[in-house]
């Protein structure tokens, strides 16, 4: 997954994937079928892990604080993958117009995350329709932050953008 995340689907060569996983070509084919199915499994796992961040935060924080944690976590000093952005967002940008099926899979995962955002906003007392609008806004912010995270900016610049988004969210709510 990390190799796909770093290089993208198209640039991740099969020999590099085999070396990263320390398996043979026949083992990859036996376990996943091919590179494409391995990539889909990586997308699924990435989405699951991403959604777990918000789910765990909701178990211990109020809904809006859980959302804020979701965004802040990506730019914490100990988060080594912050500069890689988001595998789902990267997939959509890399493969738009190239592989509509993989884009649809990544987009469906992003839609589920947006639904999770809306659920937090409803739990925070926002009406469903307003929660959906604000969740759409947060997804736009999320996607922009993930693309922008590949730029070599100081961590505090990324965090300032999150602060601005949540100030706007508070004002809009």
N, C-alpha and C. Protein backbone atom coordinates (compact mmCIF):
# COMPACT_ATOMS: atom_id res chain seq x y z
N UNK A 1 0.83 -1.18 0.00
CA UNK A 1 0.00 0.00 0.00
C UNK A 1 0.87 1.25 0.00
N UNK A 2 1.93 1.23 0.77
CA UNK A 2 2.78 2.41 0.86
C UNK A 2 3.41 2.75 -0.50
N UNK A 3 3.81 1.74 -1.23
CA UNK A 3 4.42 1.98 -2.54
C UNK A 3 3.39 2.60 -3.51
N UNK A 4 2.18 2.09 -3.52
CA UNK A 4 1.13 2.70 -4.33
C UNK A 4 0.89 4.13 -3.88
N UNK A 5 0.91 4.35 -2.58
CA UNK A 5 0.65 5.66 -2.00
C UNK A 5 1.74 6.65 -2.41
N UNK A 6 2.97 6.19 -2.41
CA UNK A 6 4.09 7.06 -2.78
C UNK A 6 4.15 7.35 -4.28
N UNK A 7 3.98 6.28 -5.08
CA UNK A 7 4.22 6.40 -6.52
C UNK A 7 2.97 6.54 -7.36
N UNK A 8 1.84 6.09 -6.84
CA UNK A 8 0.63 6.03 -7.63
C UNK A 8 0.50 4.66 -8.27
N UNK A 9 -0.70 4.37 -8.75
CA UNK A 9 -0.98 3.06 -9.32
C UNK A 9 -0.12 2.77 -10.55
N UNK A 10 -0.07 3.72 -11.47
CA UNK A 10 0.60 3.47 -12.74
C UNK A 10 2.12 3.35 -12.60
N UNK A 11 2.71 4.11 -11.70
CA UNK A 11 4.17 4.11 -11.57
C UNK A 11 4.69 3.00 -10.65
N UNK A 12 3.82 2.36 -9.92
CA UNK A 12 4.24 1.25 -9.04
C UNK A 12 4.42 0.00 -9.90
N UNK A 13 5.65 -0.30 -10.23
CA UNK A 13 5.95 -1.44 -11.09
C UNK A 13 5.83 -2.75 -10.31
N UNK A 14 5.42 -3.79 -11.00
CA UNK A 14 5.24 -5.08 -10.36
C UNK A 14 6.50 -5.56 -9.65
N UNK A 15 7.70 -5.48 -10.24
CA UNK A 15 8.89 -5.90 -9.49
C UNK A 15 9.09 -5.12 -8.19
N UNK A 16 8.77 -3.82 -8.20
CA UNK A 16 8.88 -3.02 -6.98
C UNK A 16 7.87 -3.46 -5.94
N UNK A 17 6.67 -3.77 -6.39
CA UNK A 17 5.64 -4.25 -5.46
C UNK A 17 6.04 -5.58 -4.84
N UNK A 18 6.56 -6.48 -5.67
CA UNK A 18 6.99 -7.78 -5.15
C UNK A 18 8.12 -7.62 -4.14
N UNK A 19 9.05 -6.73 -4.42
CA UNK A 19 10.16 -6.49 -3.49
C UNK A 19 9.65 -5.87 -2.20
N UNK A 20 8.74 -4.92 -2.29
CA UNK A 20 8.20 -4.26 -1.09
C UNK A 20 7.44 -5.25 -0.21
N UNK A 21 6.77 -6.21 -0.84
CA UNK A 21 6.00 -7.19 -0.07
C UNK A 21 6.82 -8.43 0.27
N UNK A 22 8.02 -8.52 -0.29
CA UNK A 22 8.90 -9.67 -0.09
C UNK A 22 8.19 -10.99 -0.42
N UNK A 23 7.53 -10.99 -1.59
CA UNK A 23 6.86 -12.20 -2.05
C UNK A 23 7.22 -12.42 -3.52
N UNK A 24 6.91 -13.61 -3.99
CA UNK A 24 7.15 -13.94 -5.39
C UNK A 24 5.95 -13.53 -6.23
N UNK A 25 6.17 -13.49 -7.53
CA UNK A 25 5.10 -13.17 -8.47
C UNK A 25 3.95 -14.18 -8.32
N UNK A 26 4.28 -15.45 -8.17
CA UNK A 26 3.23 -16.47 -8.05
C UNK A 26 2.43 -16.28 -6.75
N UNK A 27 3.10 -15.83 -5.69
CA UNK A 27 2.38 -15.58 -4.43
C UNK A 27 1.42 -14.40 -4.59
N UNK A 28 1.86 -13.37 -5.29
CA UNK A 28 0.98 -12.22 -5.52
C UNK A 28 -0.24 -12.67 -6.32
N UNK A 29 -0.02 -13.43 -7.37
CA UNK A 29 -1.13 -13.88 -8.19
C UNK A 29 -2.06 -14.82 -7.42
N UNK A 30 -1.49 -15.66 -6.55
CA UNK A 30 -2.32 -16.57 -5.76
C UNK A 30 -3.16 -15.80 -4.74
N UNK A 31 -2.57 -14.75 -4.15
CA UNK A 31 -3.28 -14.00 -3.10
C UNK A 31 -4.24 -12.96 -3.66
N UNK A 32 -3.85 -12.29 -4.74
CA UNK A 32 -4.63 -11.15 -5.22
C UNK A 32 -5.13 -11.27 -6.66
N UNK A 33 -4.53 -12.12 -7.42
CA UNK A 33 -4.91 -12.26 -8.83
C UNK A 33 -4.01 -11.45 -9.73
N UNK A 34 -3.88 -10.17 -9.46
CA UNK A 34 -3.03 -9.31 -10.28
C UNK A 34 -2.80 -7.98 -9.55
N UNK A 35 -2.04 -7.11 -10.19
CA UNK A 35 -1.70 -5.80 -9.61
C UNK A 35 -2.97 -5.00 -9.32
N UNK A 36 -3.90 -5.03 -10.22
CA UNK A 36 -5.14 -4.26 -10.07
C UNK A 36 -5.91 -4.67 -8.82
N UNK A 37 -6.06 -5.97 -8.62
CA UNK A 37 -6.79 -6.45 -7.45
C UNK A 37 -6.02 -6.18 -6.16
N UNK A 38 -4.70 -6.22 -6.22
CA UNK A 38 -3.88 -5.82 -5.07
C UNK A 38 -4.15 -4.35 -4.75
N UNK A 39 -4.19 -3.52 -5.78
CA UNK A 39 -4.45 -2.10 -5.58
C UNK A 39 -5.83 -1.87 -4.96
N UNK A 40 -6.82 -2.59 -5.44
CA UNK A 40 -8.17 -2.45 -4.88
C UNK A 40 -8.17 -2.85 -3.41
N UNK A 41 -7.45 -3.92 -3.07
CA UNK A 41 -7.35 -4.33 -1.66
C UNK A 41 -6.67 -3.22 -0.84
N UNK A 42 -5.68 -2.57 -1.42
CA UNK A 42 -5.01 -1.46 -0.73
C UNK A 42 -5.95 -0.28 -0.54
N UNK A 43 -6.73 0.05 -1.56
CA UNK A 43 -7.71 1.13 -1.44
C UNK A 43 -8.71 0.81 -0.33
N UNK A 44 -9.19 -0.42 -0.30
CA UNK A 44 -10.16 -0.83 0.72
C UNK A 44 -9.55 -0.72 2.12
N UNK A 45 -8.32 -1.19 2.27
CA UNK A 45 -7.66 -1.14 3.58
C UNK A 45 -7.37 0.30 3.99
N UNK A 46 -6.94 1.12 3.05
CA UNK A 46 -6.67 2.52 3.35
C UNK A 46 -7.95 3.21 3.82
N UNK A 47 -9.04 2.97 3.12
CA UNK A 47 -10.32 3.58 3.49
C UNK A 47 -10.76 3.11 4.88
N UNK A 48 -10.61 1.84 5.14
CA UNK A 48 -10.99 1.29 6.44
C UNK A 48 -10.17 1.95 7.56
N UNK A 49 -8.88 2.05 7.36
CA UNK A 49 -8.00 2.67 8.36
C UNK A 49 -8.35 4.14 8.56
N UNK A 50 -8.64 4.83 7.47
CA UNK A 50 -9.00 6.24 7.54
C UNK A 50 -10.30 6.43 8.32
N UNK A 51 -11.28 5.63 8.04
CA UNK A 51 -12.56 5.74 8.74
C UNK A 51 -12.41 5.36 10.21
N UNK A 52 -11.50 4.46 10.53
CA UNK A 52 -11.26 4.08 11.93
C UNK A 52 -10.74 5.26 12.75
N UNK A 53 -10.00 6.16 12.11
CA UNK A 53 -9.49 7.34 12.83
C UNK A 53 -10.65 8.13 13.39
N UNK A 54 -11.64 8.40 12.56
CA UNK A 54 -12.80 9.16 13.01
C UNK A 54 -13.65 8.35 13.98
N UNK A 55 -13.81 7.10 13.72
CA UNK A 55 -14.61 6.25 14.60
C UNK A 55 -14.02 6.19 16.00
N UNK A 56 -12.71 6.00 16.10
CA UNK A 56 -12.06 5.97 17.41
C UNK A 56 -12.17 7.33 18.11
N UNK A 57 -12.01 8.39 17.34
CA UNK A 57 -12.11 9.73 17.93
C UNK A 57 -13.52 9.99 18.46
N UNK A 58 -14.53 9.51 17.75
CA UNK A 58 -15.92 9.71 18.20
C UNK A 58 -16.20 8.96 19.49
N UNK A 59 -15.47 7.90 19.74
CA UNK A 59 -15.69 7.13 20.97
C UNK A 59 -15.20 7.87 22.21
N UNK A 60 -14.30 8.84 22.02
CA UNK A 60 -13.70 9.50 23.18
C UNK A 60 -13.84 11.02 23.18
N UNK A 61 -14.42 11.57 22.12
CA UNK A 61 -14.52 13.03 22.00
C UNK A 61 -15.93 13.44 21.57
N UNK A 62 -16.29 14.67 21.86
CA UNK A 62 -17.55 15.18 21.29
C UNK A 62 -17.44 15.19 19.76
N UNK A 63 -18.57 15.19 19.06
CA UNK A 63 -18.55 15.04 17.60
C UNK A 63 -17.67 16.04 16.85
N UNK A 64 -17.76 17.33 17.17
CA UNK A 64 -16.95 18.31 16.44
C UNK A 64 -15.47 18.17 16.78
N UNK A 65 -15.18 17.82 18.02
CA UNK A 65 -13.78 17.58 18.40
C UNK A 65 -13.24 16.34 17.70
N UNK A 66 -14.08 15.35 17.48
CA UNK A 66 -13.66 14.15 16.75
C UNK A 66 -13.33 14.50 15.30
N UNK A 67 -14.18 15.34 14.69
CA UNK A 67 -13.88 15.77 13.32
C UNK A 67 -12.57 16.53 13.27
N UNK A 68 -12.37 17.43 14.20
CA UNK A 68 -11.14 18.21 14.22
C UNK A 68 -9.93 17.29 14.40
N UNK A 69 -10.06 16.30 15.26
CA UNK A 69 -8.98 15.33 15.45
C UNK A 69 -8.66 14.61 14.15
N UNK A 70 -9.68 14.24 13.41
CA UNK A 70 -9.48 13.56 12.12
C UNK A 70 -8.58 14.39 11.22
N UNK A 71 -8.85 15.68 11.15
CA UNK A 71 -8.06 16.56 10.28
C UNK A 71 -6.67 16.81 10.86
N UNK A 72 -6.60 17.11 12.14
CA UNK A 72 -5.31 17.41 12.77
C UNK A 72 -4.36 16.22 12.73
N UNK A 73 -4.90 15.02 12.88
CA UNK A 73 -4.06 13.82 12.98
C UNK A 73 -3.12 13.67 11.79
N UNK A 74 -3.57 14.04 10.63
CA UNK A 74 -2.73 13.89 9.44
C UNK A 74 -1.49 14.76 9.47
N UNK A 75 -1.53 15.80 10.26
CA UNK A 75 -0.39 16.73 10.29
C UNK A 75 0.33 16.73 11.64
N UNK A 76 0.08 15.71 12.44
CA UNK A 76 0.80 15.59 13.70
C UNK A 76 2.26 15.26 13.39
N UNK A 77 3.13 15.71 14.25
CA UNK A 77 4.57 15.55 14.02
C UNK A 77 4.97 14.08 13.88
N UNK A 78 4.27 13.18 14.55
CA UNK A 78 4.65 11.77 14.49
C UNK A 78 3.97 11.00 13.36
N UNK A 79 3.24 11.68 12.52
CA UNK A 79 2.55 11.02 11.41
C UNK A 79 3.46 11.07 10.18
N UNK A 80 4.22 10.02 9.97
CA UNK A 80 5.25 9.99 8.92
C UNK A 80 4.68 10.08 7.51
N UNK A 81 3.42 9.72 7.34
CA UNK A 81 2.84 9.69 5.99
C UNK A 81 2.11 10.99 5.61
N UNK A 82 2.21 12.01 6.44
CA UNK A 82 1.47 13.26 6.17
C UNK A 82 1.78 13.83 4.80
N UNK A 83 3.03 13.76 4.38
CA UNK A 83 3.42 14.36 3.10
C UNK A 83 2.95 13.54 1.90
N UNK A 84 2.39 12.37 2.13
CA UNK A 84 1.91 11.54 1.03
C UNK A 84 0.47 11.88 0.64
N UNK A 85 -0.19 12.67 1.44
CA UNK A 85 -1.58 13.00 1.12
C UNK A 85 -2.50 11.84 1.44
N UNK A 86 -3.43 11.58 0.56
CA UNK A 86 -4.45 10.54 0.75
C UNK A 86 -4.43 9.62 -0.48
N UNK A 87 -4.33 8.34 -0.25
CA UNK A 87 -4.31 7.38 -1.36
C UNK A 87 -5.60 7.47 -2.18
N UNK A 88 -6.72 7.69 -1.52
CA UNK A 88 -8.00 7.77 -2.24
C UNK A 88 -8.05 9.00 -3.13
N UNK A 89 -7.68 10.15 -2.58
CA UNK A 89 -7.69 11.39 -3.35
C UNK A 89 -6.66 11.30 -4.47
N UNK A 90 -5.48 10.77 -4.18
CA UNK A 90 -4.45 10.63 -5.20
C UNK A 90 -4.91 9.73 -6.34
N UNK A 91 -5.64 8.68 -6.00
CA UNK A 91 -6.16 7.77 -7.02
C UNK A 91 -7.12 8.49 -7.95
N UNK A 92 -8.01 9.28 -7.38
CA UNK A 92 -8.97 10.02 -8.20
C UNK A 92 -8.23 11.00 -9.12
N UNK A 93 -7.25 11.71 -8.59
CA UNK A 93 -6.55 12.69 -9.43
C UNK A 93 -5.66 12.01 -10.47
N UNK A 94 -5.02 10.92 -10.10
CA UNK A 94 -4.13 10.23 -11.04
C UNK A 94 -4.90 9.54 -12.17
N UNK A 95 -6.00 8.92 -11.83
CA UNK A 95 -6.66 8.02 -12.78
C UNK A 95 -7.94 8.57 -13.41
N UNK A 96 -8.30 9.81 -13.09
CA UNK A 96 -9.49 10.41 -13.71
C UNK A 96 -9.30 10.42 -15.23
N UNK A 97 -10.26 9.85 -15.93
CA UNK A 97 -10.19 9.78 -17.38
C UNK A 97 -9.29 8.67 -17.90
N UNK A 98 -8.65 7.94 -16.99
CA UNK A 98 -7.75 6.85 -17.38
C UNK A 98 -8.36 5.50 -17.00
N UNK A 99 -8.86 5.41 -15.76
CA UNK A 99 -9.45 4.16 -15.28
C UNK A 99 -10.66 4.51 -14.41
N UNK A 100 -11.79 4.61 -15.07
CA UNK A 100 -13.01 5.04 -14.38
C UNK A 100 -13.44 4.08 -13.28
N UNK A 101 -13.14 2.79 -13.43
CA UNK A 101 -13.55 1.83 -12.40
C UNK A 101 -12.77 2.05 -11.10
N UNK A 102 -11.47 2.26 -11.19
CA UNK A 102 -10.69 2.52 -9.98
C UNK A 102 -11.07 3.87 -9.36
N UNK A 103 -11.34 4.84 -10.20
CA UNK A 103 -11.80 6.15 -9.70
C UNK A 103 -13.12 5.97 -8.96
N UNK A 104 -14.02 5.14 -9.49
CA UNK A 104 -15.31 4.91 -8.84
C UNK A 104 -15.13 4.25 -7.48
N UNK A 105 -14.20 3.32 -7.37
CA UNK A 105 -13.96 2.66 -6.08
C UNK A 105 -13.43 3.67 -5.07
N UNK A 106 -12.44 4.47 -5.46
CA UNK A 106 -11.89 5.47 -4.55
C UNK A 106 -12.94 6.51 -4.19
N UNK A 107 -13.73 6.91 -5.17
CA UNK A 107 -14.78 7.91 -4.93
C UNK A 107 -15.85 7.38 -3.98
N UNK A 108 -16.19 6.12 -4.10
CA UNK A 108 -17.17 5.53 -3.19
C UNK A 108 -16.66 5.54 -1.76
N UNK A 109 -15.37 5.25 -1.59
CA UNK A 109 -14.78 5.32 -0.24
C UNK A 109 -14.82 6.75 0.29
N UNK A 110 -14.49 7.72 -0.55
CA UNK A 110 -14.54 9.12 -0.13
C UNK A 110 -15.97 9.52 0.24
N UNK A 111 -16.94 9.02 -0.48
CA UNK A 111 -18.34 9.32 -0.17
C UNK A 111 -18.73 8.77 1.19
N UNK A 112 -18.22 7.59 1.55
CA UNK A 112 -18.50 7.02 2.87
C UNK A 112 -17.87 7.87 3.97
N UNK A 113 -16.69 8.37 3.72
CA UNK A 113 -16.05 9.25 4.70
C UNK A 113 -16.87 10.54 4.86
N UNK A 114 -17.36 11.07 3.76
CA UNK A 114 -18.21 12.26 3.82
C UNK A 114 -19.48 11.97 4.62
N UNK A 115 -20.03 10.78 4.46
CA UNK A 115 -21.20 10.38 5.24
C UNK A 115 -20.86 10.32 6.73
N UNK A 116 -19.66 9.86 7.04
CA UNK A 116 -19.20 9.85 8.43
C UNK A 116 -19.10 11.27 8.98
N UNK A 117 -18.61 12.20 8.15
CA UNK A 117 -18.56 13.61 8.56
C UNK A 117 -19.97 14.10 8.88
N UNK A 118 -20.92 13.79 8.01
CA UNK A 118 -22.30 14.23 8.21
C UNK A 118 -22.88 13.65 9.50
N UNK A 119 -22.56 12.38 9.78
CA UNK A 119 -23.06 11.75 11.01
C UNK A 119 -22.52 12.48 12.24
N UNK A 120 -21.28 12.92 12.19
CA UNK A 120 -20.72 13.69 13.31
C UNK A 120 -21.47 15.01 13.48
N UNK A 121 -21.76 15.64 12.37
CA UNK A 121 -22.44 16.93 12.42
C UNK A 121 -23.88 16.79 12.91
N UNK A 122 -24.55 15.71 12.53
CA UNK A 122 -25.89 15.44 13.05
C UNK A 122 -25.80 15.18 14.56
N UNK A 123 -24.80 14.40 14.97
CA UNK A 123 -24.62 14.13 16.40
C UNK A 123 -24.31 15.41 17.17
N UNK A 124 -23.76 16.39 16.49
CA UNK A 124 -23.46 17.68 17.12
C UNK A 124 -24.67 18.61 17.11
N UNK A 125 -25.80 18.12 16.61
CA UNK A 125 -27.03 18.90 16.65
C UNK A 125 -27.41 19.62 15.38
N UNK A 126 -26.70 19.38 14.29
CA UNK A 126 -27.06 20.03 13.03
C UNK A 126 -28.19 19.25 12.36
N UNK A 127 -29.15 19.94 11.77
CA UNK A 127 -30.19 19.23 11.01
C UNK A 127 -29.55 18.44 9.86
N UNK A 128 -30.17 17.36 9.46
CA UNK A 128 -29.60 16.46 8.44
C UNK A 128 -29.19 17.17 7.16
N UNK A 129 -30.06 18.02 6.64
CA UNK A 129 -29.74 18.70 5.38
C UNK A 129 -28.53 19.62 5.55
N UNK A 130 -28.50 20.34 6.65
CA UNK A 130 -27.36 21.24 6.91
C UNK A 130 -26.09 20.43 7.16
N UNK A 131 -26.22 19.32 7.86
CA UNK A 131 -25.07 18.45 8.11
C UNK A 131 -24.49 17.93 6.81
N UNK A 132 -25.35 17.58 5.86
CA UNK A 132 -24.87 17.10 4.56
C UNK A 132 -24.12 18.20 3.81
N UNK A 133 -24.65 19.43 3.86
CA UNK A 133 -23.95 20.56 3.21
C UNK A 133 -22.59 20.80 3.84
N UNK A 134 -22.54 20.80 5.16
CA UNK A 134 -21.28 21.05 5.86
C UNK A 134 -20.30 19.90 5.67
N UNK A 135 -20.82 18.69 5.60
CA UNK A 135 -19.96 17.53 5.35
C UNK A 135 -19.34 17.62 3.95
N UNK A 136 -20.12 18.11 3.00
CA UNK A 136 -19.60 18.31 1.64
C UNK A 136 -18.48 19.35 1.66
N UNK A 137 -18.68 20.41 2.42
CA UNK A 137 -17.64 21.42 2.58
C UNK A 137 -16.38 20.81 3.21
N UNK A 138 -16.57 20.02 4.26
CA UNK A 138 -15.42 19.39 4.92
C UNK A 138 -14.69 18.42 3.98
N UNK A 139 -15.43 17.74 3.12
CA UNK A 139 -14.77 16.84 2.17
C UNK A 139 -13.94 17.64 1.18
N UNK A 140 -14.47 18.76 0.75
CA UNK A 140 -13.70 19.63 -0.14
C UNK A 140 -12.42 20.09 0.54
N UNK A 141 -12.52 20.48 1.79
CA UNK A 141 -11.35 20.88 2.57
C UNK A 141 -10.39 19.69 2.71
N UNK A 142 -10.94 18.53 3.03
CA UNK A 142 -10.12 17.33 3.18
C UNK A 142 -9.34 17.02 1.91
N UNK A 143 -10.03 17.04 0.78
CA UNK A 143 -9.37 16.74 -0.49
C UNK A 143 -8.29 17.77 -0.80
N UNK A 144 -8.59 19.03 -0.57
CA UNK A 144 -7.60 20.08 -0.81
C UNK A 144 -6.39 19.96 0.10
N UNK A 145 -6.63 19.65 1.36
CA UNK A 145 -5.53 19.47 2.30
C UNK A 145 -4.65 18.29 1.89
N UNK A 146 -5.28 17.22 1.43
CA UNK A 146 -4.51 16.01 1.06
C UNK A 146 -3.66 16.27 -0.17
N UNK A 147 -4.18 17.00 -1.13
CA UNK A 147 -3.36 17.35 -2.30
C UNK A 147 -2.28 18.34 -1.86
N UNK A 148 -2.67 19.34 -1.09
CA UNK A 148 -1.73 20.35 -0.62
C UNK A 148 -0.65 19.82 0.29
N UNK A 149 -0.91 18.70 0.96
CA UNK A 149 0.08 18.15 1.89
C UNK A 149 1.34 17.66 1.17
N UNK A 150 1.24 17.47 -0.12
CA UNK A 150 2.42 17.06 -0.90
C UNK A 150 3.36 18.22 -1.16
N UNK A 151 2.87 19.45 -0.92
CA UNK A 151 3.75 20.62 -1.05
C UNK A 151 4.63 20.71 0.19
N UNK A 152 5.88 21.09 0.02
CA UNK A 152 6.79 21.17 1.17
C UNK A 152 6.57 22.44 1.99
N UNK A 153 5.44 22.49 2.68
CA UNK A 153 5.14 23.63 3.55
C UNK A 153 5.40 23.25 5.00
N UNK A 154 5.67 24.24 5.83
CA UNK A 154 5.81 23.94 7.26
C UNK A 154 4.49 23.38 7.81
N UNK A 155 4.61 22.50 8.78
CA UNK A 155 3.45 21.85 9.39
C UNK A 155 2.43 22.89 9.87
N UNK A 156 2.91 23.98 10.45
CA UNK A 156 1.99 24.98 10.99
C UNK A 156 1.13 25.62 9.90
N UNK A 157 1.62 25.67 8.67
CA UNK A 157 0.81 26.21 7.57
C UNK A 157 -0.39 25.30 7.29
N UNK A 158 -0.15 24.00 7.31
CA UNK A 158 -1.25 23.06 7.10
C UNK A 158 -2.25 23.17 8.26
N UNK A 159 -1.74 23.23 9.48
CA UNK A 159 -2.62 23.33 10.64
C UNK A 159 -3.41 24.64 10.62
N UNK A 160 -2.82 25.71 10.13
CA UNK A 160 -3.53 26.99 10.04
C UNK A 160 -4.70 26.87 9.07
N UNK A 161 -4.54 26.13 8.01
CA UNK A 161 -5.64 25.93 7.05
C UNK A 161 -6.79 25.15 7.70
N UNK A 162 -6.43 24.17 8.51
CA UNK A 162 -7.46 23.42 9.23
C UNK A 162 -8.18 24.34 10.20
N UNK A 163 -7.44 25.17 10.89
CA UNK A 163 -8.02 26.12 11.84
C UNK A 163 -9.02 27.03 11.12
N UNK A 164 -8.64 27.54 9.97
CA UNK A 164 -9.53 28.40 9.19
C UNK A 164 -10.80 27.65 8.79
N UNK A 165 -10.65 26.43 8.32
CA UNK A 165 -11.81 25.64 7.89
C UNK A 165 -12.77 25.42 9.06
N UNK A 166 -12.23 25.13 10.24
CA UNK A 166 -13.11 24.88 11.38
C UNK A 166 -13.72 26.16 11.93
N UNK A 167 -13.04 27.29 11.76
CA UNK A 167 -13.64 28.58 12.13
C UNK A 167 -14.81 28.87 11.19
N UNK A 168 -14.63 28.62 9.90
CA UNK A 168 -15.72 28.79 8.94
C UNK A 168 -16.87 27.84 9.24
N UNK A 169 -16.54 26.61 9.58
CA UNK A 169 -17.56 25.62 9.93
C UNK A 169 -18.36 26.08 11.14
N UNK A 170 -17.68 26.58 12.13
CA UNK A 170 -18.36 27.07 13.33
C UNK A 170 -19.29 28.24 12.98
N UNK A 171 -18.81 29.16 12.17
CA UNK A 171 -19.62 30.31 11.76
C UNK A 171 -20.81 29.87 10.92
N UNK A 172 -20.62 28.88 10.07
CA UNK A 172 -21.69 28.41 9.17
C UNK A 172 -22.74 27.61 9.93
N UNK A 173 -22.35 27.01 11.00
CA UNK A 173 -23.29 26.17 11.76
C UNK A 173 -24.19 27.04 12.60
